[in-house]
N, C-alpha and C. Protein backbone atom coordinates (compact mmCIF):
# COMPACT_ATOMS: atom_id res chain seq x y z
N MET A 1 5.33 24.83 -20.44
CA MET A 1 4.62 26.16 -19.79
C MET A 1 5.49 25.53 -18.33
N ASN A 2 5.83 26.92 -18.75
CA ASN A 2 6.80 27.00 -16.43
C ASN A 2 5.94 27.40 -15.35
N ILE A 3 6.12 26.47 -14.95
CA ILE A 3 4.67 26.69 -13.63
C ILE A 3 5.94 27.22 -12.34
N VAL A 4 5.60 27.87 -11.74
CA VAL A 4 6.02 28.45 -9.88
C VAL A 4 4.62 28.48 -9.19
N VAL A 5 5.55 27.05 -8.40
CA VAL A 5 4.63 27.82 -7.35
C VAL A 5 5.33 27.43 -6.03
N LEU A 6 4.20 28.97 -5.83
CA LEU A 6 4.26 29.69 -4.46
C LEU A 6 3.70 29.29 -3.09
N TYR A 7 4.61 29.60 -2.49
CA TYR A 7 2.97 28.88 -1.11
C TYR A 7 3.41 29.89 0.22
N GLY A 8 2.55 30.36 1.16
CA GLY A 8 2.81 30.62 2.03
C GLY A 8 1.91 29.72 3.39
N THR A 9 2.59 30.00 4.50
CA THR A 9 2.37 29.25 5.66
C THR A 9 2.76 29.19 6.75
N GLU A 10 1.99 29.12 7.51
CA GLU A 10 2.28 29.08 9.33
C GLU A 10 2.92 27.65 9.80
N SER A 11 2.04 26.59 9.49
CA SER A 11 2.28 25.37 9.90
C SER A 11 3.06 24.34 9.01
N GLY A 12 3.33 24.45 7.65
CA GLY A 12 4.12 23.49 6.74
C GLY A 12 2.64 23.06 6.06
N ASN A 13 1.98 23.02 6.63
CA ASN A 13 0.69 22.51 5.32
C ASN A 13 0.82 22.78 4.06
N SER A 14 1.03 24.34 4.00
CA SER A 14 0.64 24.58 2.46
C SER A 14 2.14 24.31 1.44
N GLU A 15 3.32 24.13 2.32
CA GLU A 15 4.64 23.63 2.08
C GLU A 15 4.56 22.43 1.07
N LEU A 16 4.00 21.53 1.85
CA LEU A 16 3.73 20.17 1.92
C LEU A 16 3.18 20.03 0.79
N ILE A 17 1.52 21.05 0.18
CA ILE A 17 0.67 20.96 -0.44
C ILE A 17 1.53 21.14 -1.87
N ALA A 18 2.23 22.63 -1.68
CA ALA A 18 2.89 23.03 -2.76
C ALA A 18 4.29 21.44 -3.47
N GLN A 19 4.83 21.59 -3.08
CA GLN A 19 5.69 20.39 -3.11
C GLN A 19 4.56 19.23 -4.12
N ASP A 20 3.40 18.16 -3.05
CA ASP A 20 2.72 17.66 -3.97
C ASP A 20 2.12 18.17 -5.53
N LEU A 21 2.28 19.32 -5.50
CA LEU A 21 1.20 19.88 -6.74
C LEU A 21 2.86 20.14 -7.43
N SER A 22 4.08 20.39 -7.38
CA SER A 22 5.14 20.93 -8.35
C SER A 22 5.46 19.27 -8.82
N ASP A 23 5.32 17.91 -8.02
CA ASP A 23 6.23 16.70 -7.62
C ASP A 23 4.24 16.43 -8.94
N LYS A 24 3.35 16.72 -9.24
CA LYS A 24 2.50 15.86 -10.17
C LYS A 24 2.43 16.86 -11.20
N ILE A 25 2.97 18.08 -11.31
CA ILE A 25 2.96 18.51 -12.70
C ILE A 25 4.43 18.18 -13.56
N ASN A 26 5.37 18.24 -12.59
CA ASN A 26 6.59 17.30 -13.09
C ASN A 26 6.34 16.11 -13.40
N ALA A 27 6.11 14.88 -12.89
CA ALA A 27 5.65 13.59 -13.37
C ALA A 27 4.66 13.70 -14.84
N ASP A 28 3.97 14.74 -14.61
CA ASP A 28 3.12 14.59 -16.27
C ASP A 28 4.17 15.24 -17.00
N GLY A 29 5.01 15.19 -16.83
CA GLY A 29 5.82 15.83 -18.09
C GLY A 29 5.94 17.55 -18.38
N GLN A 30 4.92 18.17 -17.56
CA GLN A 30 5.98 20.19 -17.33
C GLN A 30 6.91 20.45 -16.55
N SER A 31 6.81 21.55 -16.13
CA SER A 31 8.34 22.18 -15.33
C SER A 31 7.52 22.64 -14.60
N ALA A 32 7.69 22.13 -13.28
CA ALA A 32 7.23 23.55 -12.23
C ALA A 32 8.41 23.57 -11.06
N GLU A 33 8.44 24.92 -9.95
CA GLU A 33 9.86 24.71 -9.16
C GLU A 33 8.68 25.13 -8.48
N VAL A 34 9.29 25.20 -7.04
CA VAL A 34 8.59 25.93 -5.73
C VAL A 34 9.24 26.71 -4.91
N PHE A 35 8.49 27.92 -4.74
CA PHE A 35 8.94 28.68 -3.62
C PHE A 35 8.38 29.16 -2.31
N ASP A 36 8.78 29.15 -1.00
CA ASP A 36 8.44 29.86 -0.25
C ASP A 36 8.64 31.51 -0.33
N LEU A 37 7.01 32.15 -0.56
CA LEU A 37 6.88 33.41 -0.38
C LEU A 37 7.66 34.83 0.36
N GLN A 38 8.70 33.77 1.09
CA GLN A 38 9.40 34.53 1.99
C GLN A 38 10.96 35.17 1.29
N ASP A 39 10.80 33.74 0.03
CA ASP A 39 12.48 33.95 -1.27
C ASP A 39 11.92 34.18 -2.18
N PHE A 40 10.70 34.99 -2.61
CA PHE A 40 10.42 35.23 -3.70
C PHE A 40 10.06 37.03 -3.46
N GLU A 41 10.84 37.80 -4.93
CA GLU A 41 10.21 38.45 -4.69
C GLU A 41 9.11 39.29 -5.93
N PRO A 42 8.14 39.94 -5.90
CA PRO A 42 7.20 40.52 -6.17
C PRO A 42 8.02 41.01 -7.69
N GLU A 43 8.52 41.61 -7.68
CA GLU A 43 9.69 41.91 -9.29
C GLU A 43 9.78 40.63 -10.04
N SER A 44 10.22 39.58 -9.25
CA SER A 44 10.30 38.35 -10.11
C SER A 44 9.22 37.83 -10.55
N ILE A 45 7.84 37.65 -10.57
CA ILE A 45 6.95 37.69 -11.41
C ILE A 45 6.41 38.33 -12.93
N THR A 46 6.57 37.10 -13.88
CA THR A 46 6.81 37.70 -15.45
C THR A 46 5.67 36.95 -15.55
N PRO A 47 5.42 37.54 -16.85
CA PRO A 47 3.98 36.72 -18.09
C PRO A 47 4.53 35.29 -18.62
N GLU A 48 5.86 34.92 -18.50
CA GLU A 48 6.70 34.11 -18.73
C GLU A 48 5.97 32.90 -18.11
N ASN A 49 5.56 32.70 -17.02
CA ASN A 49 5.46 32.09 -15.99
C ASN A 49 4.50 32.12 -15.58
N PHE A 50 3.47 30.74 -15.57
CA PHE A 50 2.01 29.93 -14.89
C PHE A 50 2.37 30.22 -13.52
N TYR A 51 1.40 31.01 -12.17
CA TYR A 51 1.73 31.24 -10.45
C TYR A 51 0.69 30.24 -10.04
N VAL A 52 1.09 29.00 -9.62
CA VAL A 52 0.14 28.79 -8.53
C VAL A 52 0.25 28.77 -7.21
N VAL A 53 -0.60 29.73 -6.30
CA VAL A 53 0.45 30.19 -5.62
C VAL A 53 -1.22 29.36 -4.08
N VAL A 54 -0.39 28.87 -3.29
CA VAL A 54 -1.28 27.73 -1.96
C VAL A 54 -0.68 28.76 -0.81
N CYS A 55 -1.65 28.90 -0.31
CA CYS A 55 -1.78 29.79 1.36
C CYS A 55 -2.56 29.70 2.17
N SER A 56 -2.11 29.64 2.99
CA SER A 56 -2.90 29.09 4.47
C SER A 56 -3.22 30.67 5.27
N THR A 57 -4.22 30.34 6.22
CA THR A 57 -4.75 31.90 6.28
C THR A 57 -4.31 31.40 8.19
N HIS A 58 -4.06 32.20 8.94
CA HIS A 58 -3.76 32.11 10.09
C HIS A 58 -4.20 33.39 10.98
N GLY A 59 -4.63 33.31 12.37
CA GLY A 59 -5.01 33.96 12.98
C GLY A 59 -6.29 34.88 12.48
N ASP A 60 -6.61 35.74 12.90
CA ASP A 60 -8.13 36.90 12.06
C ASP A 60 -8.49 36.61 10.72
N GLY A 61 -8.21 35.60 9.97
CA GLY A 61 -7.83 36.09 8.29
C GLY A 61 -7.00 36.57 8.19
N GLU A 62 -5.25 36.74 8.41
CA GLU A 62 -4.22 37.00 8.17
C GLU A 62 -3.37 36.28 7.18
N LEU A 63 -2.54 36.49 6.75
CA LEU A 63 -1.85 35.99 6.34
C LEU A 63 -0.04 35.14 6.69
N PRO A 64 -0.10 33.99 6.86
CA PRO A 64 0.59 33.34 7.52
C PRO A 64 2.30 33.31 7.77
N ASN A 65 2.82 33.21 8.21
CA ASN A 65 3.90 33.80 8.53
C ASN A 65 5.40 34.40 7.30
N THR A 66 5.05 33.21 6.73
CA THR A 66 6.12 33.11 5.39
C THR A 66 5.86 33.75 4.37
N ALA A 67 4.40 34.19 4.55
CA ALA A 67 3.59 35.21 3.66
C ALA A 67 4.32 36.63 3.60
N GLN A 68 3.94 37.67 5.38
CA GLN A 68 3.87 38.33 4.97
C GLN A 68 5.05 39.31 5.00
N ASP A 69 6.09 39.08 4.90
CA ASP A 69 7.30 39.99 4.10
C ASP A 69 6.80 40.17 2.60
N PHE A 70 6.62 38.53 2.12
CA PHE A 70 6.27 39.15 0.61
C PHE A 70 5.65 39.95 0.44
N PHE A 71 4.26 40.23 1.09
CA PHE A 71 2.75 40.79 1.10
C PHE A 71 3.71 42.24 0.91
N GLU A 72 4.20 42.16 2.45
CA GLU A 72 4.45 43.94 2.58
C GLU A 72 4.94 44.37 1.52
N LYS A 73 5.99 43.76 0.68
CA LYS A 73 6.66 44.16 -0.62
C LYS A 73 5.61 44.25 -1.85
N PHE A 74 4.63 43.22 -2.08
CA PHE A 74 3.49 43.08 -2.61
C PHE A 74 2.73 44.73 -3.11
N SER A 75 2.59 44.56 -1.45
CA SER A 75 1.60 45.87 -1.67
C SER A 75 2.39 47.06 -1.81
N GLN A 76 3.31 47.20 -1.93
CA GLN A 76 3.84 48.42 -2.27
C GLN A 76 4.72 48.34 -3.97
N PHE A 77 4.46 47.24 -4.49
CA PHE A 77 5.05 46.83 -5.77
C PHE A 77 4.02 47.54 -6.71
N GLU A 78 4.67 48.37 -7.65
CA GLU A 78 3.68 49.19 -8.70
C GLU A 78 3.64 48.88 -9.95
N GLY A 79 4.38 47.43 -10.21
CA GLY A 79 4.71 47.01 -11.40
C GLY A 79 3.46 46.50 -12.22
N ASP A 80 3.26 46.24 -13.21
CA ASP A 80 2.25 46.04 -13.98
C ASP A 80 2.61 44.58 -14.52
N LEU A 81 1.44 44.28 -14.14
CA LEU A 81 1.23 42.67 -14.16
C LEU A 81 0.28 41.78 -15.27
N THR A 82 -0.09 42.73 -16.43
CA THR A 82 -0.96 42.82 -17.31
C THR A 82 0.04 41.04 -18.28
N GLY A 83 -0.72 40.47 -18.02
CA GLY A 83 0.01 38.96 -18.93
C GLY A 83 0.59 37.70 -18.41
N VAL A 84 0.04 38.50 -16.50
CA VAL A 84 0.31 37.24 -15.66
C VAL A 84 -0.77 36.45 -15.17
N ARG A 85 -0.75 35.38 -15.52
CA ARG A 85 -1.77 34.31 -15.23
C ARG A 85 -1.15 33.44 -13.62
N TYR A 86 -2.23 33.74 -12.89
CA TYR A 86 -2.05 32.84 -11.62
C TYR A 86 -2.98 31.61 -11.75
N ALA A 87 -3.09 30.91 -10.08
CA ALA A 87 -4.40 30.20 -9.99
C ALA A 87 -4.40 30.47 -8.22
N MET A 88 -4.90 30.15 -7.90
CA MET A 88 -5.16 30.35 -6.08
C MET A 88 -5.50 29.25 -5.78
N PHE A 89 -4.82 28.66 -4.38
CA PHE A 89 -5.27 27.73 -3.80
C PHE A 89 -5.29 28.03 -1.99
N GLY A 90 -6.51 27.90 -1.66
CA GLY A 90 -6.02 28.35 -0.36
C GLY A 90 -6.54 27.74 0.95
N LEU A 91 -6.36 27.69 2.32
CA LEU A 91 -6.62 26.85 3.27
C LEU A 91 -6.90 28.26 4.40
N GLY A 92 -7.77 26.81 4.74
CA GLY A 92 -8.48 27.82 6.27
C GLY A 92 -9.77 26.59 7.03
N ASP A 93 -9.98 27.43 7.97
CA ASP A 93 -11.29 26.49 8.75
C ASP A 93 -12.37 27.22 8.47
N SER A 94 -13.28 26.21 7.85
CA SER A 94 -14.94 27.64 7.91
C SER A 94 -15.58 27.00 9.04
N PHE A 95 -14.61 26.56 10.59
CA PHE A 95 -15.50 27.12 11.63
C PHE A 95 -15.89 28.29 11.62
N TYR A 96 -14.30 29.07 11.38
CA TYR A 96 -14.20 30.48 11.71
C TYR A 96 -15.00 31.16 10.22
N GLU A 97 -16.18 31.36 9.85
CA GLU A 97 -16.43 31.81 8.51
C GLU A 97 -16.35 32.90 8.35
N GLU A 98 -16.36 33.80 9.11
CA GLU A 98 -15.62 35.42 8.54
C GLU A 98 -14.72 35.15 8.08
N THR A 99 -13.37 34.58 8.25
CA THR A 99 -12.07 34.72 8.10
C THR A 99 -11.59 33.83 7.05
N TYR A 100 -12.39 32.63 6.74
CA TYR A 100 -12.21 31.10 5.90
C TYR A 100 -11.54 31.55 5.12
N SER A 101 -10.34 30.97 4.36
CA SER A 101 -9.82 31.32 3.72
C SER A 101 -9.15 32.57 2.99
N GLN A 102 -9.08 33.61 4.09
CA GLN A 102 -8.61 34.75 3.78
C GLN A 102 -7.48 34.97 3.42
N GLY A 103 -6.64 34.61 3.94
CA GLY A 103 -4.75 34.35 4.04
C GLY A 103 -4.81 34.54 2.54
N SER A 104 -5.27 33.60 1.62
CA SER A 104 -4.99 33.36 0.64
C SER A 104 -5.58 34.54 -0.54
N GLU A 105 -6.81 35.33 0.19
CA GLU A 105 -7.65 36.20 -0.47
C GLU A 105 -7.33 37.50 -0.91
N HIS A 106 -5.60 37.71 -0.27
CA HIS A 106 -5.59 39.00 0.22
C HIS A 106 -4.11 38.96 -1.10
N ILE A 107 -3.57 37.80 -1.15
CA ILE A 107 -2.71 37.91 -2.01
C ILE A 107 -3.51 38.17 -3.63
N ALA A 108 -4.46 37.11 -3.69
CA ALA A 108 -5.59 37.22 -4.44
C ALA A 108 -6.05 38.59 -4.90
N ARG A 109 -6.21 39.20 -4.44
CA ARG A 109 -6.69 40.78 -4.35
C ARG A 109 -5.31 41.84 -4.69
N ARG A 110 -4.09 41.85 -4.37
CA ARG A 110 -3.26 42.21 -4.88
C ARG A 110 -2.95 41.97 -6.46
N PHE A 111 -2.66 41.08 -6.91
CA PHE A 111 -2.50 40.47 -8.01
C PHE A 111 -3.15 40.94 -8.96
N THR A 112 -4.32 40.55 -8.77
CA THR A 112 -5.73 41.54 -9.70
C THR A 112 -5.74 42.96 -9.81
N GLU A 113 -5.89 43.32 -8.63
CA GLU A 113 -5.12 44.81 -8.47
C GLU A 113 -3.92 44.90 -9.32
N LEU A 114 -3.03 44.30 -9.49
CA LEU A 114 -1.74 44.86 -10.83
C LEU A 114 -1.94 44.52 -11.90
N GLY A 115 -3.51 43.75 -12.45
CA GLY A 115 -3.50 43.74 -13.80
C GLY A 115 -3.11 42.04 -13.91
N ALA A 116 -3.08 41.38 -13.17
CA ALA A 116 -2.93 39.77 -13.36
C ALA A 116 -4.18 39.23 -13.99
N GLN A 117 -4.60 37.90 -14.56
CA GLN A 117 -5.56 37.22 -14.59
C GLN A 117 -5.75 35.70 -13.42
N ARG A 118 -6.89 35.36 -13.07
CA ARG A 118 -6.74 34.32 -12.27
C ARG A 118 -7.08 33.54 -13.11
N VAL A 119 -7.10 32.03 -13.35
CA VAL A 119 -7.12 31.25 -14.31
C VAL A 119 -7.84 29.77 -13.64
N GLY A 120 -8.66 29.65 -13.54
CA GLY A 120 -9.20 28.18 -13.29
C GLY A 120 -10.05 28.69 -12.19
N GLU A 121 -10.87 27.40 -11.58
CA GLU A 121 -11.46 27.62 -10.42
C GLU A 121 -10.92 28.14 -8.78
N TYR A 122 -11.28 28.85 -8.73
CA TYR A 122 -10.42 29.02 -7.05
C TYR A 122 -10.17 28.09 -5.54
N GLY A 123 -9.11 27.36 -5.87
CA GLY A 123 -9.24 26.12 -5.19
C GLY A 123 -8.99 26.74 -3.36
N ARG A 124 -9.96 25.89 -2.48
CA ARG A 124 -9.94 25.69 -1.27
C ARG A 124 -9.94 24.42 -0.59
N HIS A 125 -9.61 24.19 0.70
CA HIS A 125 -9.30 23.20 1.90
C HIS A 125 -9.85 23.63 2.76
N ASP A 126 -10.89 23.08 3.23
CA ASP A 126 -11.03 23.12 4.70
C ASP A 126 -10.75 22.36 5.46
N ALA A 127 -10.55 22.94 6.95
CA ALA A 127 -9.46 21.69 8.01
C ALA A 127 -10.92 21.67 8.79
N SER A 128 -11.83 22.32 8.53
CA SER A 128 -12.93 21.01 8.91
C SER A 128 -13.65 20.51 8.15
N SER A 129 -13.11 20.18 7.01
CA SER A 129 -13.38 18.50 6.72
C SER A 129 -12.21 17.56 7.03
N TRP A 130 -12.94 16.28 6.52
CA TRP A 130 -12.26 15.21 6.83
C TRP A 130 -11.06 14.56 5.67
N ASP A 131 -10.69 15.90 4.60
CA ASP A 131 -10.68 15.50 3.43
C ASP A 131 -8.79 15.74 3.81
N LEU A 132 -7.82 15.34 2.93
CA LEU A 132 -6.47 15.72 3.35
C LEU A 132 -6.37 17.11 2.36
N PRO A 133 -5.42 17.82 2.72
CA PRO A 133 -5.31 19.05 1.64
C PRO A 133 -4.84 18.78 0.65
N SER A 134 -3.77 17.94 0.56
CA SER A 134 -3.15 17.40 -0.48
C SER A 134 -4.04 16.71 -1.22
N ASP A 135 -5.13 15.90 -0.95
CA ASP A 135 -5.77 15.25 -1.83
C ASP A 135 -6.35 16.07 -2.58
N VAL A 136 -7.13 17.42 -1.81
CA VAL A 136 -8.36 18.51 -2.22
C VAL A 136 -7.95 19.05 -3.76
N ALA A 137 -6.31 19.38 -3.36
CA ALA A 137 -5.20 20.38 -4.22
C ALA A 137 -5.14 19.53 -5.25
N LEU A 138 -5.27 18.53 -4.87
CA LEU A 138 -4.21 17.15 -6.83
C LEU A 138 -6.01 17.01 -6.98
N GLU A 139 -6.56 16.88 -6.75
CA GLU A 139 -7.92 17.16 -7.54
C GLU A 139 -8.21 18.19 -8.58
N TRP A 140 -7.75 19.82 -7.17
CA TRP A 140 -7.93 21.17 -8.39
C TRP A 140 -7.03 21.35 -9.51
N LEU A 141 -5.94 20.53 -8.99
CA LEU A 141 -4.83 20.67 -10.60
C LEU A 141 -5.06 20.61 -11.88
N PRO A 142 -5.82 20.07 -12.10
CA PRO A 142 -5.61 19.52 -13.58
C PRO A 142 -6.76 20.30 -14.81
N ALA A 143 -7.59 20.87 -13.97
CA ALA A 143 -8.36 22.01 -14.28
C ALA A 143 -7.74 22.93 -14.82
N VAL A 144 -7.41 23.12 -13.25
CA VAL A 144 -6.30 24.76 -13.90
C VAL A 144 -5.25 24.36 -14.60
N VAL A 145 -4.21 23.46 -14.44
CA VAL A 145 -3.70 23.13 -15.87
C VAL A 145 -4.17 23.24 -17.10
N ALA A 146 -5.33 22.62 -17.29
CA ALA A 146 -5.72 22.65 -18.44
C ALA A 146 -6.31 24.16 -19.05
N ALA A 147 -6.37 24.71 -17.67
CA ALA A 147 -7.50 26.37 -18.15
C ALA A 147 -6.19 27.00 -18.54
N ALA A 148 -4.97 27.07 -18.22
CA ALA A 148 -3.85 27.65 -18.59
C ALA A 148 -3.31 27.90 -19.48
N ASP A 149 -3.14 26.06 -19.82
CA ASP A 149 -2.69 25.38 -21.25
C ASP A 149 -3.79 26.23 -22.23
N ALA A 150 -4.80 26.31 -21.97
CA ALA A 150 -5.73 26.77 -22.80
C ALA A 150 -5.78 28.42 -23.81
């Protein structure tokens, strides 16, 4: 299974997490590539790949800088993503209850609207915790990959 790790970031946290996930996937004998959402086109999403999306939240529940152009195109994209499977890992700060991890949820909703299926538990990192973001994501990853393999 080829895994594509996509990230949207404002300060670089999602990029670091995406790279750590890719390194772990490749070390475990699977194939993973990493792309910044700003360098990825919705037309490139195909059922042949499994997508792991790592996305932070900026401002009042908005998408981070590097995800904004992608999401604008994704919102206008009318392709059928039936057969596409993805996993989502969102970052946010639960201190802001109303908007916690909303950046990733914008992308997840659009995947679902286009017919894609989310696999595994929705992963999240809370900046109000003492947990390191990559540690939380690496703990979440095995169950997601196992579910995608099933």
